[in-house]
Structures are given as structure tokens and as C-alpha cells.
């Protein structure tokens, strides 16, 4: 579904926000990635809502999904009808209360929404990286975020929360920097990507690479692989919805009801129209090479990499954990999330599990985000009680 939902103004908005940027690194001191390749310069785009307290420990870090951005709340212009993707959750008096917490939302490394990625200029060549951009991992994304936290003076993270790829980042934070994280809330996510999810991602990547305009990633300044990227998004969109919600939303309705479907071979079903619309919208805001790199990072996601086992990685977690599954999710099945919860509990880690009752499938954490407010409030209250 659409990343930025049309939000009602409830008088508790964070208001007008601006994107901010932090750049670090040099040829002499490059950022070393997990695979030992280097980036001479890294820029992170981020937004902040609320103020850092004197102890610099009141931060809620919001980590986004595959094609997300740093725009989690507020509006860029007073006349814009569209708010950030989690606007109902972030603001004065809301569950992520900006009168109490400093909420920080960075754009992930490898993306194309303001942070360094394949479409960025390579300082070593003076042109876009394209496929010269090194392979990145979820852990690399988190390590860049750690540098951003140091730059901002953040001492502790009260909560790291995100859906899908954002949940992967939350888990990676808890394993890689356990001493810095009070709690995490991975939503519709996993400790390592499944074979089925990898298969879907490979089909999406192949759709892009088979577009003749992809040109082995060298399309900057020329025709873009719009058809391939749109098809990749169409494939992805099918995995984000459930059978029941697709039947409810579209059924077998034709896209243009005034023309009977059987009268024209190329007249589309409404579900086809929707998929094409979603593909075209992504083409307008996302880079095809970034889609390749970020989906590959998702596929390589495995918090146990570098440790003897998944259990050893879990044992590093000191944070309280709230795992959220979605009943109708066919991308991150809820039974797998429950299994992760049970594993954490067996190891003595404070883990809770809550399952959202929604027909919207994987997209529910964006479409019906208000349903998550009660468990999130309860979870944050439990942190306060434990601190007292």
C-alpha cells in the first residue's frame, strides 16, 4: 500500500519537519563495510521529532522497510495532505510521545531517499556508483546509524522499532550493540530471512535486470529501467497483501466497470490496475539499483552471522523485546515470529509476543497501524515500571 497514508489532523502532529543530513568518512578514513569493502564517504538522511533530554537516553529510533524513508511523521509543507508513514504513532501525547521522547528516523544505507546508495556520486570517480557500489548488509545499515547516534550525542536507545526490514534492523541493534539498547520492537520481521522471502526477492531483482534499460546498472543520465522496477514492485505488492483483503478490495471487478471485460481482450481487472498503479508510483520515487542492493541485504540478513549459532546471537540481547506478528502475513508468517519469541524466552530474555488481527497481510503495520497502539503503550509502560 502507499507508504505515506492520508492522515487526519488530530491536533497532535509534530508539525512541519525538515530532512537533516550527517556525512562522515574520507579517503583516508573510509567506512569499512562488513565485507571489508569501503565507502570513502557516507551520508545519512534523518528526521528528528522531540528533544534529546539531558541524559541523552530518551531516544526512540524508527527504522523503515524496503522502500521507506526518513519521513516517519509530520509534513514537509503546510499545504501537504500527506503525513509521514507512522504519523498516527508519533507526536505530542501519542504512543511515541514527542513531549517525552526524542524520536529519530534515519534513511537506511543503500537507499535513495537521501542516504548514500548506488545512485550517489562516487567521490573516487565523480559519477554515480551504479554496480560499483559495494554489497551492504543490515548490519552495515545499523553501524551507520550508530555513527549517527554518536554524532547526535545519544547515549542510550529507549526503543528501536520498525516493520519488515525495519524489524531486522531493530534485532541487529540488540545483538550488535546490546549495551546501548533498552528495548526493541520488530514488527512482521525475522532474525534471518526465509527461503520463500528470498525467492520472491530474486524474482523482483530479475525483473529489473531483464529490463533492457537497466544496462548493467549504467542507466543514469539515460532511460531508466522503469518497466522492470514497476514489475518488481508488482510482484512485491502481491506478497504484502492477503488473499482475503485482495478479494474484498478487488474480487473480479473490471478496472473500468462501464466496459464489460469480455468485450475487450486487453481490458484489465481492477486488481491489475492496482498493481500497475503501485509499480508506477514506485518508479517515480525509487532507484532500481537501490532496489537490487536493499533486497539483497534483506536476503543476507542473519543475526547469527559471525556467531557460533543463532542461540549465541540471541544470548547477546539485553533489551526487552516485543515481537509483533500479523495474522494474515504471507511474507513473515506469524508462526515463525512466535518461534523466535519462544526461543528468546527459553534463553531467559524478556520477550513478549502480540499478534495483530488484520486481513491486510504484511502491509497491516502501515495500513492499520493504530491497532498497534495498545500493545506499544503497554510495552513502554512496562519499561517505565522496570526502571522505577
Protein backbone atom coordinates (compact mmCIF):
# COMPACT_ATOMS: atom_id res chain seq x y z
CA UNK A 1 0.00 0.00 0.00
CA UNK A 2 1.03 3.64 -0.15
CA UNK A 3 3.95 4.45 2.12
CA UNK A 4 2.57 7.84 3.22
CA UNK A 5 -1.02 7.44 4.29
CA UNK A 6 -3.55 10.26 4.09
CA UNK A 7 -3.76 11.26 7.75
CA UNK A 8 -6.41 13.15 9.68
CA UNK A 9 -5.15 16.15 11.62
CA UNK A 10 -5.90 15.36 15.26
CA UNK A 11 -4.18 18.48 16.54
CA UNK A 12 -1.25 16.47 17.89
CA UNK A 13 1.01 16.46 14.87
CA UNK A 14 4.74 17.04 15.06
CA UNK A 15 4.05 19.79 12.51
CA UNK A 16 6.34 20.82 9.69
CA UNK A 17 9.57 18.84 9.58
CA UNK A 18 12.81 19.03 7.64
CA UNK A 19 15.19 16.37 6.48
CA UNK A 20 18.63 16.62 8.06
CA UNK A 21 21.91 15.13 6.87
CA UNK A 22 25.02 13.75 8.53
CA UNK A 23 28.12 12.94 6.47
CA UNK A 24 31.23 11.16 7.68
CA UNK A 25 34.28 9.41 6.26
CA UNK A 26 37.13 10.30 3.93
CA UNK A 27 39.54 8.57 1.59
CA UNK A 28 42.00 8.39 4.49
CA UNK A 29 39.38 7.11 6.95
CA UNK A 30 36.68 5.35 4.91
CA UNK A 31 33.71 3.49 6.33
CA UNK A 32 34.63 -0.20 6.32
CA UNK A 33 31.71 -2.46 5.49
CA UNK A 34 31.09 -5.93 6.86
CA UNK A 35 32.64 -7.49 3.74
CA UNK A 36 35.76 -5.28 4.21
CA UNK A 37 34.97 -3.12 1.19
CA UNK A 38 34.95 0.60 1.86
CA UNK A 39 32.94 3.73 1.23
CA UNK A 40 35.04 6.92 1.32
CA UNK A 41 32.04 8.98 2.37
CA UNK A 42 28.64 8.13 3.85
CA UNK A 43 25.67 10.46 4.12
CA UNK A 44 22.68 9.62 6.28
CA UNK A 45 19.39 11.43 5.88
CA UNK A 46 17.27 11.62 9.03
CA UNK A 47 14.41 13.41 10.75
CA UNK A 48 14.03 14.22 14.46
CA UNK A 49 10.85 14.83 16.39
CA UNK A 50 11.04 16.00 20.01
CA UNK A 51 14.14 16.89 22.01
CA UNK A 52 17.00 14.91 23.48
CA UNK A 53 16.96 15.01 27.29
CA UNK A 54 19.92 15.91 29.49
CA UNK A 55 20.91 12.26 29.92
CA UNK A 56 20.58 11.69 26.16
CA UNK A 57 18.74 8.43 26.83
CA UNK A 58 15.15 9.16 25.76
CA UNK A 59 15.53 8.20 22.09
CA UNK A 60 13.09 6.09 20.10
CA UNK A 61 14.77 5.02 16.88
CA UNK A 62 12.41 4.33 13.97
CA UNK A 63 13.81 2.00 11.29
CA UNK A 64 11.97 1.67 7.98
CA UNK A 65 11.13 -1.05 5.48
CA UNK A 66 12.38 -1.82 1.97
CA UNK A 67 11.36 1.34 0.08
CA UNK A 68 10.78 3.56 3.11
CA UNK A 69 12.42 6.80 4.06
CA UNK A 70 13.26 9.04 6.99
CA UNK A 71 9.82 10.68 6.75
CA UNK A 72 8.06 8.91 9.60
CA UNK A 73 5.92 11.81 10.85
CA UNK A 74 4.84 15.36 10.17
CA UNK A 75 4.62 17.17 6.85
CA UNK A 76 7.18 18.85 4.66
CA UNK A 77 4.77 21.63 3.68
CA UNK A 78 1.80 23.18 5.48
CA UNK A 79 -0.45 22.51 2.47
CA UNK A 80 0.58 18.86 2.05
CA UNK A 81 -2.26 16.39 2.75
CA UNK A 82 0.23 13.56 3.30
CA UNK A 83 1.95 12.88 6.57
CA UNK A 84 4.84 10.58 7.40
CA UNK A 85 4.13 6.87 7.25
CA UNK A 86 3.72 6.48 11.04
CA UNK A 87 2.20 9.88 11.79
CA UNK A 88 -0.62 8.42 13.96
CA UNK A 89 2.02 6.96 16.29
CA UNK A 90 4.40 9.93 16.61
CA UNK A 91 3.63 13.28 18.18
CA UNK A 92 2.62 15.05 21.41
CA UNK A 93 0.54 12.69 23.55
CA UNK A 94 0.76 9.84 21.06
CA UNK A 95 2.30 6.45 21.81
CA UNK A 96 5.70 7.76 20.73
CA UNK A 97 5.19 10.96 22.68
CA UNK A 98 7.45 13.72 21.36
CA UNK A 99 6.96 15.70 24.57
CA UNK A 100 8.73 12.87 26.36
CA UNK A 101 10.84 11.09 23.75
CA UNK A 102 13.24 12.21 21.07
CA UNK A 103 12.14 10.23 18.03
CA UNK A 104 14.79 9.79 15.32
CA UNK A 105 14.06 8.28 11.91
CA UNK A 106 17.06 7.70 9.61
CA UNK A 107 17.04 6.59 5.98
CA UNK A 108 18.90 3.31 5.53
CA UNK A 109 22.30 2.99 3.88
CA UNK A 110 21.88 1.81 0.29
CA UNK A 111 18.59 3.57 -0.23
CA UNK A 112 17.85 6.50 -2.48
CA UNK A 113 15.86 8.76 -0.19
CA UNK A 114 18.75 10.96 0.92
CA UNK A 115 21.32 8.44 2.15
CA UNK A 116 24.34 7.05 0.31
CA UNK A 117 23.41 4.38 -2.22
CA UNK A 118 24.08 3.23 -5.79
CA UNK A 119 22.61 6.45 -7.25
CA UNK A 120 25.01 8.60 -5.17
CA UNK A 121 28.13 10.14 -6.65
CA UNK A 122 31.24 8.09 -6.01
CA UNK A 123 33.90 10.56 -4.80
CA UNK A 124 36.56 8.34 -6.33
CA UNK A 125 35.18 8.60 -9.87
CA UNK A 126 32.92 11.65 -9.89
CA UNK A 127 29.97 9.67 -11.29
CA UNK A 128 27.17 7.54 -9.89
CA UNK A 129 28.26 4.32 -8.20
CA UNK A 130 25.89 2.05 -10.08
CA UNK A 131 27.12 -1.52 -9.66
CA UNK A 132 30.43 -0.24 -8.29
CA UNK A 133 28.55 0.31 -5.05
CA UNK A 134 29.69 -2.37 -2.60
CA UNK A 135 27.38 -5.05 -1.26
CA UNK A 136 25.85 -3.93 2.03
CA UNK A 137 24.13 -5.74 4.89
CA UNK A 138 21.51 -4.92 7.50
CA UNK A 139 24.38 -4.83 10.00
CA UNK A 140 26.10 -2.16 7.88
CA UNK A 141 22.90 -0.09 7.99
CA UNK A 142 22.88 -0.35 11.78
CA UNK A 143 26.57 0.53 12.06
CA UNK A 144 25.91 3.72 10.07
CA UNK A 145 23.02 4.51 12.40
CA UNK A 146 25.36 4.01 15.37
CA UNK A 147 27.67 6.66 13.91
CA UNK A 148 24.67 8.97 13.57
CA UNK A 149 23.74 8.39 17.22
CA UNK A 150 27.29 9.25 18.27
CA UNK A 151 27.15 12.41 16.16
CA UNK A 152 23.88 13.44 17.85
CA UNK A 153 25.24 12.68 21.33
CA UNK A 154 22.79 9.85 22.04
CA UNK A 155 23.86 7.68 24.98
CA UNK A 156 21.09 5.06 25.03
CA UNK A 157 18.17 4.00 22.90
CA UNK A 158 14.94 3.62 24.82
CA UNK A 159 13.40 1.70 21.95
CA UNK A 160 14.30 0.60 18.42
CA UNK A 161 11.15 -0.15 16.45
CA UNK A 162 10.42 -0.94 12.82
CA UNK A 163 8.44 -3.11 10.46
CA UNK A 164 9.72 -5.65 7.93
CA UNK A 165 13.31 -4.64 7.07
CA UNK A 166 12.99 -2.14 9.92
CA UNK A 167 12.42 -5.04 12.32
CA UNK A 168 15.58 -6.69 11.03
CA UNK A 169 17.49 -3.53 11.92
CA UNK A 170 15.94 -3.50 15.40
CA UNK A 171 17.09 -7.07 16.03
CA UNK A 172 20.55 -6.27 14.69
CA UNK A 173 20.79 -3.29 17.06
CA UNK A 174 20.01 -5.53 20.04
CA UNK A 175 22.64 -8.10 19.04
CA UNK A 176 25.42 -5.79 17.82
CA UNK A 177 25.09 -3.04 20.46
CA UNK A 178 23.37 -4.78 23.40
CA UNK A 179 24.75 -2.36 25.98
CA UNK A 180 23.07 0.61 24.29
CA UNK A 181 19.52 -0.65 23.73
CA UNK A 182 16.78 -0.77 26.39
CA UNK A 183 14.14 -2.39 24.21
CA UNK A 184 13.27 -3.40 20.66
CA UNK A 185 10.04 -3.98 18.79
CA UNK A 186 10.49 -5.86 15.50
CA UNK A 187 7.20 -5.92 13.58
CA UNK A 188 6.44 -8.52 10.91
CA UNK A 189 10.11 -9.43 10.69
CA UNK A 190 12.64 -12.17 11.35
CA UNK A 191 16.07 -12.98 12.74
CA UNK A 192 17.09 -14.24 9.31
CA UNK A 193 15.31 -14.20 6.01
CA UNK A 194 13.36 -17.28 4.89
CA UNK A 195 13.82 -19.23 1.66
CA UNK A 196 10.39 -18.17 0.42
CA UNK A 197 11.11 -14.48 1.02
CA UNK A 198 14.49 -14.83 -0.73
CA UNK A 199 12.72 -16.44 -3.69
CA UNK A 200 10.28 -13.53 -4.01
CA UNK A 201 13.18 -11.05 -3.83
CA UNK A 202 15.11 -12.87 -6.56
CA UNK A 203 12.10 -12.68 -8.88
CA UNK A 204 11.90 -8.93 -8.24
CA UNK A 205 15.59 -8.44 -8.92
CA UNK A 206 15.38 -10.50 -12.09
CA UNK A 207 12.51 -8.34 -13.34
CA UNK A 208 14.75 -5.27 -13.04
CA UNK A 209 17.82 -6.85 -14.59
CA UNK A 210 15.90 -8.15 -17.60
CA UNK A 211 14.75 -4.64 -18.47
CA UNK A 212 16.95 -3.60 -21.46
CA UNK A 213 17.24 -0.10 -19.99
CA UNK A 214 18.89 -1.47 -16.86
CA UNK A 215 22.12 -1.69 -18.88
CA UNK A 216 24.02 -3.50 -16.09
CA UNK A 217 23.22 -0.64 -13.74
CA UNK A 218 24.62 2.07 -16.02
CA UNK A 219 21.36 3.86 -16.79
CA UNK A 220 21.98 7.17 -15.03
CA UNK A 221 21.59 10.03 -17.46
CA UNK A 222 19.61 7.85 -19.85
CA UNK A 223 16.37 5.86 -19.97
CA UNK A 224 15.65 4.21 -16.64
CA UNK A 225 14.53 0.58 -16.24
CA UNK A 226 11.05 1.77 -15.33
CA UNK A 227 9.27 -1.31 -16.63
CA UNK A 228 11.48 -3.69 -14.70
CA UNK A 229 11.24 -1.73 -11.46
CA UNK A 230 7.47 -1.43 -11.82
CA UNK A 231 7.18 -5.20 -12.36
CA UNK A 232 9.38 -5.82 -9.30
CA UNK A 233 7.03 -3.69 -7.23
CA UNK A 234 4.00 -5.51 -8.62
CA UNK A 235 5.49 -8.84 -7.51
CA UNK A 236 6.29 -7.41 -4.09
CA UNK A 237 2.82 -5.92 -3.69
CA UNK A 238 1.23 -9.35 -4.12
CA UNK A 239 3.26 -10.59 -1.12
CA UNK A 240 2.23 -7.60 1.01
CA UNK A 241 -1.50 -8.40 0.85
CA UNK A 242 -3.56 -11.41 1.88
CA UNK A 243 -5.99 -13.38 -0.26
CA UNK A 244 -8.95 -12.21 1.82
CA UNK A 245 -8.16 -8.49 1.53
CA UNK A 246 -7.49 -8.76 -2.20
CA UNK A 247 -10.85 -10.48 -2.63
CA UNK A 248 -12.55 -7.79 -0.55
CA UNK A 249 -10.83 -4.89 -2.31
CA UNK A 250 -10.90 -6.16 -5.88
CA UNK A 251 -12.59 -9.51 -6.36
CA UNK A 252 -13.14 -9.99 -10.07
CA UNK A 253 -14.22 -6.41 -10.74
CA UNK A 254 -13.04 -4.94 -14.03
CA UNK A 255 -10.88 -1.85 -13.83
CA UNK A 256 -13.47 0.15 -15.80
CA UNK A 257 -16.91 -1.18 -14.97
CA UNK A 258 -18.61 0.69 -17.80
CA UNK A 259 -16.88 -1.64 -20.30
CA UNK A 260 -17.68 -5.34 -19.83
CA UNK A 261 -14.47 -7.31 -19.50
CA UNK A 262 -15.35 -9.88 -22.15
CA UNK A 263 -15.71 -7.17 -24.82
CA UNK A 264 -12.05 -6.30 -24.95
CA UNK A 265 -9.10 -8.66 -24.54
CA UNK A 266 -6.84 -6.01 -23.00
CA UNK A 267 -9.37 -4.56 -20.57
CA UNK A 268 -7.95 -5.15 -17.10
CA UNK A 269 -9.29 -6.48 -13.84
CA UNK A 270 -9.26 -3.91 -11.05
CA UNK A 271 -6.52 -5.83 -9.21
CA UNK A 272 -4.34 -5.50 -12.32
CA UNK A 273 -4.99 -1.77 -12.41
CA UNK A 274 -3.95 -1.54 -8.75
CA UNK A 275 -0.72 -3.45 -9.30
CA UNK A 276 0.23 -1.25 -12.24
CA UNK A 277 -0.53 1.88 -10.20
CA UNK A 278 1.70 0.66 -7.37
CA UNK A 279 4.50 -0.09 -9.83
CA UNK A 280 4.27 3.34 -11.46
CA UNK A 281 4.27 5.11 -8.09
CA UNK A 282 7.46 3.37 -7.02
CA UNK A 283 9.20 4.27 -10.30
CA UNK A 284 8.61 7.94 -9.51
CA UNK A 285 10.34 7.77 -6.12
CA UNK A 286 12.85 4.92 -6.05
CA UNK A 287 16.06 3.89 -7.77
CA UNK A 288 16.20 0.47 -9.44
CA UNK A 289 19.76 -0.27 -8.34
CA UNK A 290 18.86 0.57 -4.75
CA UNK A 291 16.06 -1.97 -5.01
CA UNK A 292 18.61 -4.60 -6.03
CA UNK A 293 21.02 -3.78 -3.22
CA UNK A 294 18.49 -3.42 -0.42
CA UNK A 295 16.63 -6.63 -1.29
CA UNK A 296 19.98 -8.44 -1.33
CA UNK A 297 20.76 -7.01 2.11
CA UNK A 298 17.42 -8.36 3.30
CA UNK A 299 18.22 -11.79 1.87
CA UNK A 300 21.62 -11.88 3.59
CA UNK A 301 20.08 -10.81 6.89
CA UNK A 302 21.03 -13.29 9.61
CA UNK A 303 21.78 -12.02 13.11
CA UNK A 304 23.79 -15.19 13.78
CA UNK A 305 26.40 -14.36 11.11
CA UNK A 306 29.76 -14.21 12.87
CA UNK A 307 28.49 -16.16 15.89
CA UNK A 308 28.55 -19.89 16.56
CA UNK A 309 24.76 -20.20 16.32
CA UNK A 310 21.51 -18.30 16.31
CA UNK A 311 21.21 -19.10 20.01
CA UNK A 312 24.57 -17.44 20.68
CA UNK A 313 23.40 -14.32 18.88
CA UNK A 314 20.14 -14.31 20.87
CA UNK A 315 22.10 -14.60 24.12
CA UNK A 316 23.72 -11.24 23.41
CA UNK A 317 20.36 -9.48 23.66
CA UNK A 318 19.96 -7.48 26.88
CA UNK A 319 16.96 -5.47 25.71
CA UNK A 320 13.35 -6.17 26.48
CA UNK A 321 11.64 -7.47 23.34
CA UNK A 322 8.16 -7.04 21.92
CA UNK A 323 7.62 -9.12 18.80
CA UNK A 324 4.59 -8.27 16.67
CA UNK A 325 3.21 -10.67 14.09
CA UNK A 326 0.32 -10.17 11.67
CA UNK A 327 -2.25 -12.94 11.41
CA UNK A 328 -2.58 -12.77 7.61
CA UNK A 329 1.07 -12.06 6.75
CA UNK A 330 2.31 -14.40 4.00
CA UNK A 331 5.80 -12.86 3.85
CA UNK A 332 6.73 -13.20 7.53
CA UNK A 333 4.37 -15.87 8.80
CA UNK A 334 3.29 -15.28 12.41
CA UNK A 335 4.19 -18.84 13.48
CA UNK A 336 7.84 -18.08 12.67
CA UNK A 337 7.73 -14.96 14.84
CA UNK A 338 6.17 -16.95 17.67
CA UNK A 339 9.01 -19.46 17.33
CA UNK A 340 11.52 -16.63 17.74
CA UNK A 341 9.63 -15.44 20.83
CA UNK A 342 9.69 -18.93 22.34
CA UNK A 343 13.42 -19.26 21.67
CA UNK A 344 14.12 -15.95 23.38
CA UNK A 345 12.02 -16.91 26.38
CA UNK A 346 13.84 -20.25 26.74
CA UNK A 347 17.10 -18.31 26.92
CA UNK A 348 15.76 -16.09 29.70
CA UNK A 349 15.32 -12.99 27.52
CA UNK A 350 12.35 -10.79 28.40
CA UNK A 351 10.23 -11.30 25.30
CA UNK A 352 6.54 -10.66 24.67
CA UNK A 353 4.53 -11.55 21.59
CA UNK A 354 1.45 -9.81 20.23
CA UNK A 355 -0.39 -10.74 17.05
CA UNK A 356 -2.33 -8.17 15.06
CA UNK A 357 -5.70 -9.40 13.88
CA UNK A 358 -5.81 -7.95 10.38
CA UNK A 359 -6.77 -9.05 6.88
CA UNK A 360 -4.28 -6.62 5.33
CA UNK A 361 -1.36 -9.03 5.36
CA UNK A 362 2.19 -7.75 5.65
CA UNK A 363 1.03 -4.20 4.89
CA UNK A 364 -1.04 -4.07 8.07
CA UNK A 365 1.72 -2.35 10.07
CA UNK A 366 1.31 0.61 7.68
CA UNK A 367 -2.40 0.42 6.90
CA UNK A 368 -3.82 -0.40 10.34
CA UNK A 369 -1.02 0.99 12.46
CA UNK A 370 -3.47 2.31 15.06
CA UNK A 371 -4.10 -1.30 16.13
CA UNK A 372 -0.54 -1.45 17.45
CA UNK A 373 -1.03 1.48 19.84
CA UNK A 374 -2.33 -0.51 22.87
CA UNK A 375 0.47 -3.13 22.92
CA UNK A 376 3.08 -0.45 22.28
CA UNK A 377 1.75 1.68 25.14
CA UNK A 378 1.73 -1.32 27.44
CA UNK A 379 5.27 -2.23 26.41
CA UNK A 380 6.62 1.28 27.04
CA UNK A 381 4.79 1.36 30.41
CA UNK A 382 6.47 -1.91 31.36
CA UNK A 383 9.85 -0.32 30.63
CA UNK A 384 9.00 2.56 32.94
CA UNK A 385 7.86 0.16 35.66
CA UNK A 386 11.07 -1.80 35.40
CA UNK A 387 13.08 1.40 35.64
CA UNK A 388 11.34 2.58 38.80
